[in-house]
Every structure is written in structure tokens, then in C-alpha cells.
Amino acid sequence: MLMLLGAIAFIPVEAIASPHHHDHGGGEYGKFSKIEQPLGLKVGITLAGIGLIGLELWWFMFSEPPRKKSSD
């Protein structure tokens, strides 16, 4: 983990900050083209993701393992 952070720390800031450092001559997006998604689909995917995150948080916070009863 520390090696990864160290490697990232030595990346020149200009290479990260410059939006045109990989100009392949293919327009604004290079080889890729932008596909507009319908607003309903964006909202649905977002709500589904938030719902799954909420379900996971609920599962880990409120599901308690069964407790063993102590026999006296």
C-alpha cells in the first residue's frame, strides 16, 4: 500500500492537471464517443445504487449474530 502511494506521489502534477496531454487527434473524446443516457435511466441507476448501499449498511449495522445462552 505504501509503495502504491509513493508511486502516485511522484507523478508530475502537470501530467495530471493538463487536459490535453493525450491528444490523439480524434476529436474531444479520442476513440470514444459520448452516449447520452435518458434522465430516467440515470435516476434509476442512482437510486438503485443508493438503495444497495443502504441495504448493505443496514445488514452490517443491524444484523446481530445469534448470541449463545450461557447455562448457569
C-alpha atoms as a PDB file:
ATOM      1  CA  MET A   1       0.000   0.000   0.000  1.00  0.00           C
ATOM      2  CA  LEU A   2       2.785   2.402   0.898  1.00  0.00           C
ATOM      3  CA  MET A   3       4.593   1.588  -2.338  1.00  0.00           C
ATOM      4  CA  LEU A   4       1.477   2.467  -4.319  1.00  0.00           C
ATOM      5  CA  LEU A   5       1.080   5.781  -2.502  1.00  0.00           C
ATOM      6  CA  GLY A   6       4.751   6.526  -3.032  1.00  0.00           C
ATOM      7  CA  ALA A   7       4.482   5.805  -6.747  1.00  0.00           C
ATOM      8  CA  ILE A   8       1.447   8.061  -7.061  1.00  0.00           C
ATOM      9  CA  ALA A   9       3.227  10.841  -5.172  1.00  0.00           C
ATOM     10  CA  PHE A  10       5.948  11.021  -7.838  1.00  0.00           C
ATOM     11  CA  ILE A  11       3.595  11.535 -10.809  1.00  0.00           C
ATOM     12  CA  PRO A  12       4.191  15.038 -12.176  1.00  0.00           C
ATOM     13  CA  VAL A  13       1.330  17.407 -11.407  1.00  0.00           C
ATOM     14  CA  GLU A  14       1.423  18.768 -14.955  1.00  0.00           C
ATOM     15  CA  ALA A  15       0.610  15.310 -16.336  1.00  0.00           C
ATOM     16  CA  ILE A  16      -2.481  15.106 -14.163  1.00  0.00           C
ATOM     17  CA  ALA A  17      -3.683  18.696 -14.489  1.00  0.00           C
ATOM     18  CA  SER A  18      -3.237  19.058 -18.248  1.00  0.00           C
ATOM     19  CA  PRO A  19      -6.457  18.059 -20.041  1.00  0.00           C
ATOM     20  CA  HIS A  20      -4.711  17.783 -23.428  1.00  0.00           C
ATOM     21  CA  HIS A  21      -1.694  15.664 -22.568  1.00  0.00           C
ATOM     22  CA  HIS A  22      -3.003  12.690 -24.610  1.00  0.00           C
ATOM     23  CA  ASP A  23      -4.179  14.273 -27.833  1.00  0.00           C
ATOM     24  CA  HIS A  24      -4.760  11.501 -30.357  1.00  0.00           C
ATOM     25  CA  GLY A  25      -6.384  13.751 -32.919  1.00  0.00           C
ATOM     26  CA  GLY A  26      -9.752  12.042 -32.653  1.00  0.00           C
ATOM     27  CA  GLY A  27     -11.761  14.998 -31.516  1.00  0.00           C
ATOM     28  CA  GLU A  28     -12.741  15.827 -27.977  1.00  0.00           C
ATOM     29  CA  TYR A  29     -13.108  12.216 -26.822  1.00  0.00           C
ATOM     30  CA  GLY A  30     -10.465  10.430 -28.904  1.00  0.00           C
ATOM     31  CA  LYS A  31     -11.577   6.938 -29.908  1.00  0.00           C
ATOM     32  CA  PHE A  32     -14.593   7.035 -27.642  1.00  0.00           C
ATOM     33  CA  SER A  33     -17.890   8.707 -28.361  1.00  0.00           C
ATOM     34  CA  LYS A  34     -20.203  10.168 -25.762  1.00  0.00           C
ATOM     35  CA  ILE A  35     -23.569   8.430 -25.443  1.00  0.00           C
ATOM     36  CA  GLU A  36     -26.343  10.454 -23.833  1.00  0.00           C
ATOM     37  CA  GLN A  37     -28.408   8.377 -21.448  1.00  0.00           C
ATOM     38  CA  PRO A  38     -32.065   9.143 -20.686  1.00  0.00           C
ATOM     39  CA  LEU A  39     -32.624  11.028 -17.442  1.00  0.00           C
ATOM     40  CA  GLY A  40     -34.926   8.297 -16.130  1.00  0.00           C
ATOM     41  CA  LEU A  41     -32.194   5.711 -16.554  1.00  0.00           C
ATOM     42  CA  LYS A  42     -29.656   7.892 -14.749  1.00  0.00           C
ATOM     43  CA  VAL A  43     -32.060   8.458 -11.863  1.00  0.00           C
ATOM     44  CA  GLY A  44     -32.980   4.776 -11.700  1.00  0.00           C
ATOM     45  CA  ILE A  45     -29.368   3.610 -11.608  1.00  0.00           C
ATOM     46  CA  THR A  46     -28.523   6.211  -8.965  1.00  0.00           C
ATOM     47  CA  LEU A  47     -31.462   5.233  -6.757  1.00  0.00           C
ATOM     48  CA  ALA A  48     -30.683   1.534  -7.157  1.00  0.00           C
ATOM     49  CA  GLY A  49     -27.066   2.149  -6.122  1.00  0.00           C
ATOM     50  CA  ILE A  50     -28.093   4.211  -3.112  1.00  0.00           C
ATOM     51  CA  GLY A  51     -30.599   1.511  -2.181  1.00  0.00           C
ATOM     52  CA  LEU A  52     -27.973  -1.224  -2.358  1.00  0.00           C
ATOM     53  CA  ILE A  53     -25.545   0.813  -0.271  1.00  0.00           C
ATOM     54  CA  GLY A  54     -28.294   1.432   2.296  1.00  0.00           C
ATOM     55  CA  LEU A  55     -29.191  -2.260   2.354  1.00  0.00           C
ATOM     56  CA  GLU A  56     -25.568  -3.206   2.945  1.00  0.00           C
ATOM     57  CA  LEU A  57     -25.205  -0.668   5.747  1.00  0.00           C
ATOM     58  CA  TRP A  58     -28.427  -1.910   7.336  1.00  0.00           C
ATOM     59  CA  TRP A  59     -27.241  -5.514   7.081  1.00  0.00           C
ATOM     60  CA  PHE A  60     -23.921  -4.862   8.789  1.00  0.00           C
ATOM     61  CA  MET A  61     -25.218  -2.476  11.439  1.00  0.00           C
ATOM     62  CA  PHE A  62     -28.441  -4.153  12.490  1.00  0.00           C
ATOM     63  CA  SER A  63     -27.959  -7.860  11.898  1.00  0.00           C
ATOM     64  CA  GLU A  64     -26.518  -9.242  15.077  1.00  0.00           C
ATOM     65  CA  PRO A  65     -25.003 -12.693  15.250  1.00  0.00           C
ATOM     66  CA  PRO A  66     -27.002 -15.132  17.368  1.00  0.00           C
ATOM     67  CA  ARG A  67     -25.897 -14.946  20.963  1.00  0.00           C
ATOM     68  CA  LYS A  68     -25.111 -18.096  22.849  1.00  0.00           C
ATOM     69  CA  LYS A  69     -27.111 -18.520  26.007  1.00  0.00           C
ATOM     70  CA  SER A  70     -24.941 -19.151  28.999  1.00  0.00           C
ATOM     71  CA  SER A  71     -26.042 -22.147  31.004  1.00  0.00           C
ATOM     72  CA  ASP A  72     -25.807 -21.459  34.728  1.00  0.00           C
END
